[in-house]
PDB file of N, CA and C in Angstrom:
ATOM      1  N   UNK A   1      12.515-109.790 -96.054  1.00  0.00           N
ATOM      2  CA  UNK A   1      12.945-108.817 -95.065  1.00  0.00           C
ATOM      3  C   UNK A   1      13.320-107.510 -95.754  1.00  0.00           C
ATOM      4  N   UNK A   2      12.898-106.399 -95.192  1.00  0.00           N
ATOM      5  CA  UNK A   2      13.147-105.090 -95.796  1.00  0.00           C
ATOM      6  C   UNK A   2      14.629-104.739 -95.708  1.00  0.00           C
ATOM      7  N   UNK A   3      15.123-103.999 -96.705  1.00  0.00           N
ATOM      8  CA  UNK A   3      16.523-103.576 -96.636  1.00  0.00           C
ATOM      9  C   UNK A   3      16.716-102.659 -95.428  1.00  0.00           C
ATOM     10  N   UNK A   4      17.904-102.673 -94.869  1.00  0.00           N
ATOM     11  CA  UNK A   4      18.176-101.886 -93.677  1.00  0.00           C
ATOM     12  C   UNK A   4      18.717-100.528 -94.085  1.00  0.00           C
ATOM     13  N   UNK A   5      18.144 -99.488 -93.513  1.00  0.00           N
ATOM     14  CA  UNK A   5      18.530 -98.124 -93.867  1.00  0.00           C
ATOM     15  C   UNK A   5      19.897 -97.782 -93.289  1.00  0.00           C
ATOM     16  N   UNK A   6      20.767 -97.242 -94.139  1.00  0.00           N
ATOM     17  CA  UNK A   6      22.076 -96.789 -93.683  1.00  0.00           C
ATOM     18  C   UNK A   6      22.021 -95.296 -93.383  1.00  0.00           C
ATOM     19  N   UNK A   7      20.839 -94.727 -93.520  1.00  0.00           N
ATOM     20  CA  UNK A   7      20.633 -93.334 -93.168  1.00  0.00           C
ATOM     21  C   UNK A   7      19.300 -93.226 -92.448  1.00  0.00           C
ATOM     22  N   UNK A   8      19.107 -92.152 -91.685  1.00  0.00           N
ATOM     23  CA  UNK A   8      17.857 -92.035 -90.939  1.00  0.00           C
ATOM     24  C   UNK A   8      16.629 -92.058 -91.852  1.00  0.00           C
ATOM     25  N   UNK A   9      15.566 -92.645 -91.352  1.00  0.00           N
ATOM     26  CA  UNK A   9      14.296 -92.655 -92.067  1.00  0.00           C
ATOM     27  C   UNK A   9      13.366 -91.668 -91.377  1.00  0.00           C
ATOM     28  N   UNK A  10      12.376 -91.187 -92.097  1.00  0.00           N
ATOM     29  CA  UNK A  10      11.397 -90.273 -91.520  1.00  0.00           C
ATOM     30  C   UNK A  10      10.157 -91.067 -91.151  1.00  0.00           C
ATOM     31  N   UNK A  11       9.697 -90.896 -89.927  1.00  0.00           N
ATOM     32  CA  UNK A  11       8.458 -91.551 -89.507  1.00  0.00           C
ATOM     33  C   UNK A  11       7.447 -90.484 -89.104  1.00  0.00           C
ATOM     34  N   UNK A  12       6.182 -90.866 -89.146  1.00  0.00           N
ATOM     35  CA  UNK A  12       5.081 -89.971 -88.781  1.00  0.00           C
ATOM     36  C   UNK A  12       4.192 -90.706 -87.779  1.00  0.00           C
ATOM     37  N   UNK A  13       3.203 -89.993 -87.252  1.00  0.00           N
ATOM     38  CA  UNK A  13       2.239 -90.658 -86.373  1.00  0.00           C
ATOM     39  C   UNK A  13       1.639 -91.875 -87.086  1.00  0.00           C
ATOM     40  N   UNK A  14       1.394 -91.743 -88.393  1.00  0.00           N
ATOM     41  CA  UNK A  14       0.741 -92.807 -89.168  1.00  0.00           C
ATOM     42  C   UNK A  14       1.642 -94.021 -89.395  1.00  0.00           C
ATOM     43  N   UNK A  15       2.959 -93.799 -89.530  1.00  0.00           N
ATOM     44  CA  UNK A  15       3.864 -94.908 -89.854  1.00  0.00           C
ATOM     45  C   UNK A  15       4.650 -95.412 -88.643  1.00  0.00           C
ATOM     46  N   UNK A  16       4.479 -94.774 -87.485  1.00  0.00           N
ATOM     47  CA  UNK A  16       5.283 -95.089 -86.306  1.00  0.00           C
ATOM     48  C   UNK A  16       5.190 -96.556 -85.887  1.00  0.00           C
ATOM     49  N   UNK A  17       3.978 -97.069 -85.759  1.00  0.00           N
ATOM     50  CA  UNK A  17       3.813 -98.456 -85.301  1.00  0.00           C
ATOM     51  C   UNK A  17       4.522 -99.435 -86.225  1.00  0.00           C
ATOM     52  N   UNK A  18       4.337 -99.253 -87.522  1.00  0.00           N
ATOM     53  CA  UNK A  18       4.939-100.165 -88.502  1.00  0.00           C
ATOM     54  C   UNK A  18       6.461-100.039 -88.540  1.00  0.00           C
ATOM     55  N   UNK A  19       6.966 -98.811 -88.611  1.00  0.00           N
ATOM     56  CA  UNK A  19       8.408 -98.591 -88.778  1.00  0.00           C
ATOM     57  C   UNK A  19       9.202 -98.801 -87.490  1.00  0.00           C
ATOM     58  N   UNK A  20       8.601 -98.489 -86.336  1.00  0.00           N
ATOM     59  CA  UNK A  20       9.340 -98.506 -85.079  1.00  0.00           C
ATOM     60  C   UNK A  20       8.925 -99.687 -84.203  1.00  0.00           C
ATOM     61  N   UNK A  21       7.658 -99.740 -83.838  1.00  0.00           N
ATOM     62  CA  UNK A  21       7.213-100.768 -82.890  1.00  0.00           C
ATOM     63  C   UNK A  21       7.302-102.178 -83.464  1.00  0.00           C
ATOM     64  N   UNK A  22       7.062-102.332 -84.766  1.00  0.00           N
ATOM     65  CA  UNK A  22       7.091-103.656 -85.387  1.00  0.00           C
ATOM     66  C   UNK A  22       8.471-104.033 -85.923  1.00  0.00           C
ATOM     67  N   UNK A  23       9.461-103.153 -85.760  1.00  0.00           N
ATOM     68  CA  UNK A  23      10.800-103.413 -86.307  1.00  0.00           C
ATOM     69  C   UNK A  23      11.504-104.539 -85.555  1.00  0.00           C
ATOM     70  N   UNK A  24      12.159-105.410 -86.303  1.00  0.00           N
ATOM     71  CA  UNK A  24      12.954-106.482 -85.693  1.00  0.00           C
ATOM     72  C   UNK A  24      14.306-105.938 -85.218  1.00  0.00           C
ATOM     73  N   UNK A  25      14.705-104.806 -85.777  1.00  0.00           N
ATOM     74  CA  UNK A  25      15.967-104.148 -85.433  1.00  0.00           C
ATOM     75  C   UNK A  25      15.669-103.060 -84.397  1.00  0.00           C
ATOM     76  N   UNK A  26      16.536-102.854 -83.412  1.00  0.00           N
ATOM     77  CA  UNK A  26      16.332-101.721 -82.504  1.00  0.00           C
ATOM     78  C   UNK A  26      16.235-100.412 -83.300  1.00  0.00           C
ATOM     79  N   UNK A  27      15.374 -99.509 -82.850  1.00  0.00           N
ATOM     80  CA  UNK A  27      15.161 -98.240 -83.549  1.00  0.00           C
ATOM     81  C   UNK A  27      15.382 -97.083 -82.579  1.00  0.00           C
ATOM     82  N   UNK A  28      16.264 -96.173 -82.962  1.00  0.00           N
ATOM     83  CA  UNK A  28      16.489 -94.953 -82.196  1.00  0.00           C
ATOM     84  C   UNK A  28      15.654 -93.855 -82.857  1.00  0.00           C
ATOM     85  N   UNK A  29      14.650 -93.359 -82.130  1.00  0.00           N
ATOM     86  CA  UNK A  29      13.766 -92.334 -82.682  1.00  0.00           C
ATOM     87  C   UNK A  29      14.214 -90.965 -82.183  1.00  0.00           C
ATOM     88  N   UNK A  30      14.467 -90.085 -83.146  1.00  0.00           N
ATOM     89  CA  UNK A  30      14.876 -88.717 -82.864  1.00  0.00           C
ATOM     90  C   UNK A  30      13.640 -87.829 -82.976  1.00  0.00           C
ATOM     91  N   UNK A  31      13.155 -87.324 -81.828  1.00  0.00           N
ATOM     92  CA  UNK A  31      12.056 -86.362 -81.827  1.00  0.00           C
ATOM     93  C   UNK A  31      12.698 -84.985 -81.976  1.00  0.00           C
ATOM     94  N   UNK A  32      12.380 -84.300 -83.070  1.00  0.00           N
ATOM     95  CA  UNK A  32      13.047 -83.044 -83.400  1.00  0.00           C
ATOM     96  C   UNK A  32      12.028 -82.028 -83.915  1.00  0.00           C
ATOM     97  N   UNK A  33      12.480 -80.786 -84.062  1.00  0.00           N
ATOM     98  CA  UNK A  33      11.670 -79.732 -84.681  1.00  0.00           C
ATOM     99  C   UNK A  33      12.601 -78.789 -85.430  1.00  0.00           C
ATOM    100  N   UNK A  34      12.077 -78.171 -86.484  1.00  0.00           N
ATOM    101  CA  UNK A  34      12.908 -77.300 -87.323  1.00  0.00           C
ATOM    102  C   UNK A  34      13.445 -76.099 -86.552  1.00  0.00           C
ATOM    103  N   UNK A  35      12.724 -75.636 -85.521  1.00  0.00           N
ATOM    104  CA  UNK A  35      13.139 -74.466 -84.741  1.00  0.00           C
ATOM    105  C   UNK A  35      14.135 -74.806 -83.625  1.00  0.00           C
ATOM    106  N   UNK A  36      14.447 -76.097 -83.462  1.00  0.00           N
ATOM    107  CA  UNK A  36      15.271 -76.562 -82.337  1.00  0.00           C
ATOM    108  C   UNK A  36      16.752 -76.612 -82.742  1.00  0.00           C
ATOM    109  N   UNK A  37      17.544 -75.663 -82.208  1.00  0.00           N
ATOM    110  CA  UNK A  37      18.976 -75.613 -82.524  1.00  0.00           C
ATOM    111  C   UNK A  37      19.734 -76.873 -82.146  1.00  0.00           C
ATOM    112  N   UNK A  38      19.574 -77.382 -80.902  1.00  0.00           N
ATOM    113  CA  UNK A  38      20.271 -78.615 -80.523  1.00  0.00           C
ATOM    114  C   UNK A  38      19.883 -79.816 -81.407  1.00  0.00           C
ATOM    115  N   UNK A  39      18.649 -79.812 -81.921  1.00  0.00           N
ATOM    116  CA  UNK A  39      18.225 -80.897 -82.826  1.00  0.00           C
ATOM    117  C   UNK A  39      19.083 -80.870 -84.096  1.00  0.00           C
ATOM    118  N   UNK A  40      19.317 -79.659 -84.615  1.00  0.00           N
ATOM    119  CA  UNK A  40      20.145 -79.532 -85.821  1.00  0.00           C
ATOM    120  C   UNK A  40      21.593 -79.918 -85.525  1.00  0.00           C
ATOM    121  N   UNK A  41      22.050 -79.661 -84.285  1.00  0.00           N
ATOM    122  CA  UNK A  41      23.430 -79.998 -83.911  1.00  0.00           C
ATOM    123  C   UNK A  41      23.661 -81.509 -83.905  1.00  0.00           C
ATOM    124  N   UNK A  42      22.691 -82.282 -83.432  1.00  0.00           N
ATOM    125  CA  UNK A  42      22.924 -83.729 -83.343  1.00  0.00           C
ATOM    126  C   UNK A  42      22.580 -84.479 -84.630  1.00  0.00           C
ATOM    127  N   UNK A  43      21.911 -83.819 -85.582  1.00  0.00           N
ATOM    128  CA  UNK A  43      21.526 -84.501 -86.830  1.00  0.00           C
ATOM    129  C   UNK A  43      22.715 -85.151 -87.551  1.00  0.00           C
ATOM    130  N   UNK A  44      23.858 -84.444 -87.735  1.00  0.00           N
ATOM    131  CA  UNK A  44      24.991 -85.097 -88.417  1.00  0.00           C
ATOM    132  C   UNK A  44      25.550 -86.282 -87.626  1.00  0.00           C
ATOM    133  N   UNK A  45      25.497 -86.198 -86.299  1.00  0.00           N
ATOM    134  CA  UNK A  45      25.975 -87.304 -85.454  1.00  0.00           C
ATOM    135  C   UNK A  45      25.075 -88.526 -85.659  1.00  0.00           C
ATOM    136  N   UNK A  46      23.780 -88.298 -85.725  1.00  0.00           N
ATOM    137  CA  UNK A  46      22.847 -89.415 -85.949  1.00  0.00           C
ATOM    138  C   UNK A  46      23.039 -90.014 -87.340  1.00  0.00           C
ATOM    139  N   UNK A  47      23.354 -89.169 -88.327  1.00  0.00           N
ATOM    140  CA  UNK A  47      23.646 -89.679 -89.674  1.00  0.00           C
ATOM    141  C   UNK A  47      24.854 -90.619 -89.638  1.00  0.00           C
ATOM    142  N   UNK A  48      25.894 -90.214 -88.900  1.00  0.00           N
ATOM    143  CA  UNK A  48      27.098 -91.051 -88.772  1.00  0.00           C
ATOM    144  C   UNK A  48      26.763 -92.390 -88.105  1.00  0.00           C
ATOM    145  N   UNK A  49      26.020 -92.323 -87.010  1.00  0.00           N
ATOM    146  CA  UNK A  49      25.663 -93.544 -86.281  1.00  0.00           C
ATOM    147  C   UNK A  49      24.818 -94.462 -87.169  1.00  0.00           C
ATOM    148  N   UNK A  50      23.896 -93.875 -87.942  1.00  0.00           N
ATOM    149  CA  UNK A  50      23.054 -94.667 -88.847  1.00  0.00           C
ATOM    150  C   UNK A  50      23.912 -95.437 -89.845  1.00  0.00           C
ATOM    151  N   UNK A  51      24.934 -94.776 -90.384  1.00  0.00           N
ATOM    152  CA  UNK A  51      25.812 -95.422 -91.363  1.00  0.00           C
ATOM    153  C   UNK A  51      26.678 -96.493 -90.699  1.00  0.00           C
ATOM    154  N   UNK A  52      27.223 -96.178 -89.520  1.00  0.00           N
ATOM    155  CA  UNK A  52      28.126 -97.110 -88.841  1.00  0.00           C
ATOM    156  C   UNK A  52      27.401 -98.358 -88.311  1.00  0.00           C
ATOM    157  N   UNK A  53      26.144 -98.201 -87.945  1.00  0.00           N
ATOM    158  CA  UNK A  53      25.398 -99.319 -87.348  1.00  0.00           C
ATOM    159  C   UNK A  53      24.320 -99.875 -88.279  1.00  0.00           C
ATOM    160  N   UNK A  54      24.473 -99.628 -89.581  1.00  0.00           N
ATOM    161  CA  UNK A  54      23.511-100.146 -90.563  1.00  0.00           C
ATOM    162  C   UNK A  54      23.387-101.652 -90.390  1.00  0.00           C
ATOM    163  N   UNK A  55      22.154-102.130 -90.329  1.00  0.00           N
ATOM    164  CA  UNK A  55      21.924-103.555 -90.142  1.00  0.00           C
ATOM    165  C   UNK A  55      21.730-103.934 -88.683  1.00  0.00           C
ATOM    166  N   UNK A  56      22.232-103.100 -87.774  1.00  0.00           N
ATOM    167  CA  UNK A  56      22.107-103.392 -86.336  1.00  0.00           C
ATOM    168  C   UNK A  56      21.158-102.417 -85.643  1.00  0.00           C
ATOM    169  N   UNK A  57      21.012-101.225 -86.238  1.00  0.00           N
ATOM    170  CA  UNK A  57      20.225-100.161 -85.616  1.00  0.00           C
ATOM    171  C   UNK A  57      19.591 -99.325 -86.716  1.00  0.00           C
ATOM    172  N   UNK A  58      18.329 -98.994 -86.511  1.00  0.00           N
ATOM    173  CA  UNK A  58      17.626 -98.091 -87.420  1.00  0.00           C
ATOM    174  C   UNK A  58      17.476 -96.763 -86.699  1.00  0.00           C
ATOM    175  N   UNK A  59      17.683 -95.670 -87.420  1.00  0.00           N
ATOM    176  CA  UNK A  59      17.450 -94.350 -86.841  1.00  0.00           C
ATOM    177  C   UNK A  59      16.268 -93.734 -87.569  1.00  0.00           C
ATOM    178  N   UNK A  60      15.296 -93.303 -86.779  1.00  0.00           N
ATOM    179  CA  UNK A  60      14.085 -92.703 -87.335  1.00  0.00           C
ATOM    180  C   UNK A  60      13.941 -91.290 -86.796  1.00  0.00           C
ATOM    181  N   UNK A  61      13.509 -90.382 -87.666  1.00  0.00           N
ATOM    182  CA  UNK A  61      13.307 -88.994 -87.259  1.00  0.00           C
ATOM    183  C   UNK A  61      11.817 -88.679 -87.306  1.00  0.00           C
ATOM    184  N   UNK A  62      11.313 -88.102 -86.211  1.00  0.00           N
ATOM    185  CA  UNK A  62       9.901 -87.751 -86.151  1.00  0.00           C
ATOM    186  C   UNK A  62       9.777 -86.253 -85.851  1.00  0.00           C
ATOM    187  N   UNK A  63       9.145 -85.536 -86.772  1.00  0.00           N
ATOM    188  CA  UNK A  63       8.949 -84.088 -86.612  1.00  0.00           C
ATOM    189  C   UNK A  63       7.907 -83.861 -85.516  1.00  0.00           C
ATOM    190  N   UNK A  64       8.365 -83.290 -84.414  1.00  0.00           N
ATOM    191  CA  UNK A  64       7.552 -83.083 -83.213  1.00  0.00           C
ATOM    192  C   UNK A  64       6.297 -82.253 -83.508  1.00  0.00           C
ATOM    193  N   UNK A  65       6.447 -81.189 -84.287  1.00  0.00           N
ATOM    194  CA  UNK A  65       5.330 -80.291 -84.552  1.00  0.00           C
ATOM    195  C   UNK A  65       4.301 -80.898 -85.497  1.00  0.00           C
ATOM    196  N   UNK A  66       4.764 -81.657 -86.481  1.00  0.00           N
ATOM    197  CA  UNK A  66       3.861 -82.217 -87.487  1.00  0.00           C
ATOM    198  C   UNK A  66       3.166 -83.493 -87.008  1.00  0.00           C
ATOM    199  N   UNK A  67       3.680 -84.109 -85.958  1.00  0.00           N
ATOM    200  CA  UNK A  67       3.152 -85.390 -85.480  1.00  0.00           C
ATOM    201  C   UNK A  67       2.953 -85.345 -83.965  1.00  0.00           C
ATOM    202  N   UNK A  68       1.905 -84.691 -83.484  1.00  0.00           N
ATOM    203  CA  UNK A  68       1.741 -84.488 -82.041  1.00  0.00           C
ATOM    204  C   UNK A  68       1.335 -85.734 -81.248  1.00  0.00           C
ATOM    205  N   UNK A  69       0.732 -86.719 -81.883  1.00  0.00           N
ATOM    206  CA  UNK A  69       0.211 -87.874 -81.142  1.00  0.00           C
ATOM    207  C   UNK A  69       1.330 -88.721 -80.525  1.00  0.00           C
ATOM    208  N   UNK A  70       2.360 -89.027 -81.300  1.00  0.00           N
ATOM    209  CA  UNK A  70       3.419 -89.918 -80.815  1.00  0.00           C
ATOM    210  C   UNK A  70       4.230 -89.299 -79.674  1.00  0.00           C
ATOM    211  N   UNK A  71       4.690 -88.046 -79.788  1.00  0.00           N
ATOM    212  CA  UNK A  71       5.402 -87.465 -78.637  1.00  0.00           C
ATOM    213  C   UNK A  71       4.521 -87.446 -77.383  1.00  0.00           C
ATOM    214  N   UNK A  72       3.238 -87.177 -77.550  1.00  0.00           N
ATOM    215  CA  UNK A  72       2.323 -87.163 -76.413  1.00  0.00           C
ATOM    216  C   UNK A  72       2.213 -88.525 -75.762  1.00  0.00           C
ATOM    217  N   UNK A  73       2.153 -89.563 -76.587  1.00  0.00           N
ATOM    218  CA  UNK A  73       2.035 -90.936 -76.091  1.00  0.00           C
ATOM    219  C   UNK A  73       3.242 -91.335 -75.237  1.00  0.00           C
ATOM    220  N   UNK A  74       4.430 -90.833 -75.603  1.00  0.00           N
ATOM    221  CA  UNK A  74       5.666 -91.197 -74.894  1.00  0.00           C
ATOM    222  C   UNK A  74       6.165 -90.083 -73.963  1.00  0.00           C
ATOM    223  N   UNK A  75       5.312 -89.112 -73.678  1.00  0.00           N
ATOM    224  CA  UNK A  75       5.653 -88.008 -72.763  1.00  0.00           C
ATOM    225  C   UNK A  75       6.937 -87.275 -73.147  1.00  0.00           C
ATOM    226  N   UNK A  76       7.113 -87.046 -74.440  1.00  0.00           N
ATOM    227  CA  UNK A  76       8.267 -86.285 -74.910  1.00  0.00           C
ATOM    228  C   UNK A  76       7.952 -84.803 -74.727  1.00  0.00           C
ATOM    229  N   UNK A  77       8.673 -84.162 -73.813  1.00  0.00           N
ATOM    230  CA  UNK A  77       8.397 -82.765 -73.488  1.00  0.00           C
ATOM    231  C   UNK A  77       9.499 -81.829 -73.948  1.00  0.00           C
ATOM    232  N   UNK A  78      10.754 -82.282 -73.946  1.00  0.00           N
ATOM    233  CA  UNK A  78      11.876 -81.451 -74.371  1.00  0.00           C
ATOM    234  C   UNK A  78      12.480 -81.996 -75.657  1.00  0.00           C
ATOM    235  N   UNK A  79      13.100 -81.086 -76.414  1.00  0.00           N
ATOM    236  CA  UNK A  79      13.747 -81.505 -77.651  1.00  0.00           C
ATOM    237  C   UNK A  79      15.227 -81.117 -77.612  1.00  0.00           C
ATOM    238  N   UNK A  80      16.086 -81.893 -78.243  1.00  0.00           N
ATOM    239  CA  UNK A  80      15.766 -83.193 -78.829  1.00  0.00           C
ATOM    240  C   UNK A  80      15.616 -84.274 -77.748  1.00  0.00           C
ATOM    241  N   UNK A  81      14.739 -85.215 -78.019  1.00  0.00           N
ATOM    242  CA  UNK A  81      14.628 -86.412 -77.191  1.00  0.00           C
ATOM    243  C   UNK A  81      14.834 -87.602 -78.112  1.00  0.00           C
ATOM    244  N   UNK A  82      15.678 -88.532 -77.672  1.00  0.00           N
ATOM    245  CA  UNK A  82      15.910 -89.762 -78.422  1.00  0.00           C
ATOM    246  C   UNK A  82      15.365 -90.914 -77.593  1.00  0.00           C
ATOM    247  N   UNK A  83      14.514 -91.722 -78.201  1.00  0.00           N
ATOM    248  CA  UNK A  83      14.005 -92.916 -77.529  1.00  0.00           C
ATOM    249  C   UNK A  83      14.492 -94.126 -78.301  1.00  0.00           C
ATOM    250  N   UNK A  84      15.072 -95.084 -77.596  1.00  0.00           N
ATOM    251  CA  UNK A  84      15.530 -96.320 -78.226  1.00  0.00           C
ATOM    252  C   UNK A  84      14.486 -97.399 -77.974  1.00  0.00           C
ATOM    253  N   UNK A  85      13.933 -97.911 -79.057  1.00  0.00           N
ATOM    254  CA  UNK A  85      12.917 -98.957 -78.988  1.00  0.00           C
ATOM    255  C   UNK A  85      13.534-100.290 -79.363  1.00  0.00           C
ATOM    256  N   UNK A  86      13.219-101.302 -78.591  1.00  0.00           N
ATOM    257  CA  UNK A  86      13.668-102.666 -78.885  1.00  0.00           C
ATOM    258  C   UNK A  86      12.481-103.570 -78.600  1.00  0.00           C
ATOM    259  N   UNK A  87      12.049-104.333 -79.594  1.00  0.00           N
ATOM    260  CA  UNK A  87      10.889-105.190 -79.419  1.00  0.00           C
ATOM    261  C   UNK A  87       9.631-104.406 -79.095  1.00  0.00           C
ATOM    262  N   UNK A  88       9.526-103.184 -79.629  1.00  0.00           N
ATOM    263  CA  UNK A  88       8.338-102.371 -79.424  1.00  0.00           C
ATOM    264  C   UNK A  88       8.287-101.645 -78.093  1.00  0.00           C
ATOM    265  N   UNK A  89       9.342-101.771 -77.277  1.00  0.00           N
ATOM    266  CA  UNK A  89       9.366-101.129 -75.959  1.00  0.00           C
ATOM    267  C   UNK A  89      10.505-100.113 -75.886  1.00  0.00           C
ATOM    268  N   UNK A  90      10.301 -99.043 -75.119  1.00  0.00           N
ATOM    269  CA  UNK A  90      11.374 -98.063 -74.893  1.00  0.00           C
ATOM    270  C   UNK A  90      12.368 -98.680 -73.910  1.00  0.00           C
ATOM    271  N   UNK A  91      13.630 -98.784 -74.339  1.00  0.00           N
ATOM    272  CA  UNK A  91      14.660 -99.336 -73.453  1.00  0.00           C
ATOM    273  C   UNK A  91      15.669 -98.276 -73.007  1.00  0.00           C
ATOM    274  N   UNK A  92      15.630 -97.110 -73.647  1.00  0.00           N
ATOM    275  CA  UNK A  92      16.569 -96.040 -73.298  1.00  0.00           C
ATOM    276  C   UNK A  92      15.969 -94.709 -73.716  1.00  0.00           C
ATOM    277  N   UNK A  93      16.178 -93.673 -72.900  1.00  0.00           N
ATOM    278  CA  UNK A  93      15.745 -92.321 -73.253  1.00  0.00           C
ATOM    279  C   UNK A  93      16.908 -91.375 -73.045  1.00  0.00           C
ATOM    280  N   UNK A  94      17.169 -90.560 -74.066  1.00  0.00           N
ATOM    281  CA  UNK A  94      18.254 -89.583 -74.012  1.00  0.00           C
ATOM    282  C   UNK A  94      17.631 -88.226 -74.336  1.00  0.00           C
ATOM    283  N   UNK A  95      17.797 -87.266 -73.437  1.00  0.00           N
ATOM    284  CA  UNK A  95      17.233 -85.937 -73.660  1.00  0.00           C
ATOM    285  C   UNK A  95      18.360 -84.938 -73.807  1.00  0.00           C
ATOM    286  N   UNK A  96      18.226 -84.069 -74.809  1.00  0.00           N
ATOM    287  CA  UNK A  96      19.231 -83.035 -75.050  1.00  0.00           C
ATOM    288  C   UNK A  96      20.284 -83.494 -76.042  1.00  0.00           C
ATOM    289  N   UNK A  97      21.018 -82.532 -76.576  1.00  0.00           N
ATOM    290  CA  UNK A  97      22.077 -82.830 -77.538  1.00  0.00           C
ATOM    291  C   UNK A  97      23.287 -83.367 -76.782  1.00  0.00           C
ATOM    292  N   UNK A  98      23.691 -84.575 -77.116  1.00  0.00           N
ATOM    293  CA  UNK A  98      24.838 -85.213 -76.468  1.00  0.00           C
ATOM    294  C   UNK A  98      25.916 -85.489 -77.522  1.00  0.00           C
ATOM    295  N   UNK A  99      27.173 -85.536 -77.101  1.00  0.00           N
ATOM    296  CA  UNK A  99      28.219 -85.907 -78.063  1.00  0.00           C
ATOM    297  C   UNK A  99      28.064 -87.367 -78.485  1.00  0.00           C
ATOM    298  N   UNK A 100      28.652 -87.680 -79.620  1.00  0.00           N
ATOM    299  CA  UNK A 100      28.529 -89.023 -80.189  1.00  0.00           C
ATOM    300  C   UNK A 100      28.921 -90.103 -79.180  1.00  0.00           C
ATOM    301  N   UNK A 101      30.009 -89.904 -78.471  1.00  0.00           N
ATOM    302  CA  UNK A 101      30.484 -90.910 -77.524  1.00  0.00           C
ATOM    303  C   UNK A 101      29.429 -91.207 -76.456  1.00  0.00           C
ATOM    304  N   UNK A 102      28.782 -90.158 -75.953  1.00  0.00           N
ATOM    305  CA  UNK A 102      27.759 -90.333 -74.924  1.00  0.00           C
ATOM    306  C   UNK A 102      26.539 -91.058 -75.488  1.00  0.00           C
ATOM    307  N   UNK A 103      26.171 -90.728 -76.726  1.00  0.00           N
ATOM    308  CA  UNK A 103      25.038 -91.416 -77.366  1.00  0.00           C
ATOM    309  C   UNK A 103      25.338 -92.905 -77.523  1.00  0.00           C
ATOM    310  N   UNK A 104      26.535 -93.203 -78.030  1.00  0.00           N
ATOM    311  CA  UNK A 104      26.900 -94.603 -78.250  1.00  0.00           C
ATOM    312  C   UNK A 104      26.962 -95.373 -76.928  1.00  0.00           C
ATOM    313  N   UNK A 105      27.393 -94.721 -75.874  1.00  0.00           N
ATOM    314  CA  UNK A 105      27.470 -95.374 -74.564  1.00  0.00           C
ATOM    315  C   UNK A 105      26.073 -95.810 -74.099  1.00  0.00           C
ATOM    316  N   UNK A 106      25.063 -95.007 -74.399  1.00  0.00           N
ATOM    317  CA  UNK A 106      23.689 -95.336 -74.028  1.00  0.00           C
ATOM    318  C   UNK A 106      23.065 -96.380 -74.955  1.00  0.00           C
ATOM    319  N   UNK A 107      23.455 -96.341 -76.230  1.00  0.00           N
ATOM    320  CA  UNK A 107      22.808 -97.175 -77.251  1.00  0.00           C
ATOM    321  C   UNK A 107      23.410 -98.571 -77.357  1.00  0.00           C
ATOM    322  N   UNK A 108      24.748 -98.668 -77.371  1.00  0.00           N
ATOM    323  CA  UNK A 108      25.395 -99.936 -77.702  1.00  0.00           C
ATOM    324  C   UNK A 108      25.009-101.120 -76.806  1.00  0.00           C
ATOM    325  N   UNK A 109      24.721-100.940 -75.511  1.00  0.00           N
ATOM    326  CA  UNK A 109      24.323-102.136 -74.728  1.00  0.00           C
ATOM    327  C   UNK A 109      23.059-102.813 -75.253  1.00  0.00           C
ATOM    328  N   UNK A 110      22.264-102.082 -76.035  1.00  0.00           N
ATOM    329  CA  UNK A 110      20.984-102.614 -76.517  1.00  0.00           C
ATOM    330  C   UNK A 110      21.057-103.169 -77.934  1.00  0.00           C
ATOM    331  N   UNK A 111      22.233-103.066 -78.555  1.00  0.00           N
ATOM    332  CA  UNK A 111      22.372-103.517 -79.938  1.00  0.00           C
ATOM    333  C   UNK A 111      23.033-104.881 -79.961  1.00  0.00           C
ATOM    334  N   UNK A 112      22.421-105.783 -80.718  1.00  0.00           N
ATOM    335  CA  UNK A 112      22.955-107.170 -80.801  1.00  0.00           C
ATOM    336  C   UNK A 112      24.311-107.182 -81.478  1.00  0.00           C
TER     337      UNK A 112
END
C-alpha cells in the first residue's frame, strides 16, 4: 500500500484516474489556477486539512489551465471547485473559497 500523503499531491489529466479514481482513500480534488485569487486563499486551508486528515483523506491539486480534459469531464466551470471522490465517484462538490469549518462540514461525513 502506498504511503499516505500528509500534504496535497499534484495530479494531471494523465495521472487523475490512478491517483483519484483508483484511490482506496477518499480524495478531495482542488481545481485551481495560478490567476485565481480565491484559489490562493484556500490553499493554506487545504494544506492544514491534508495534514490533519493524513491517512483518512488525500488532497489532490489539479491545475485547471494545464489539464483541460478532467475539468471538462466533471463540468468544472468556476474556480476554485473542490470535488470529493470516494470509490471513484463524486460524493460532494464545493464551489468557491470557503472557510475551513465549512469545508470540514461538507467533507467529514464522507471520511471513515
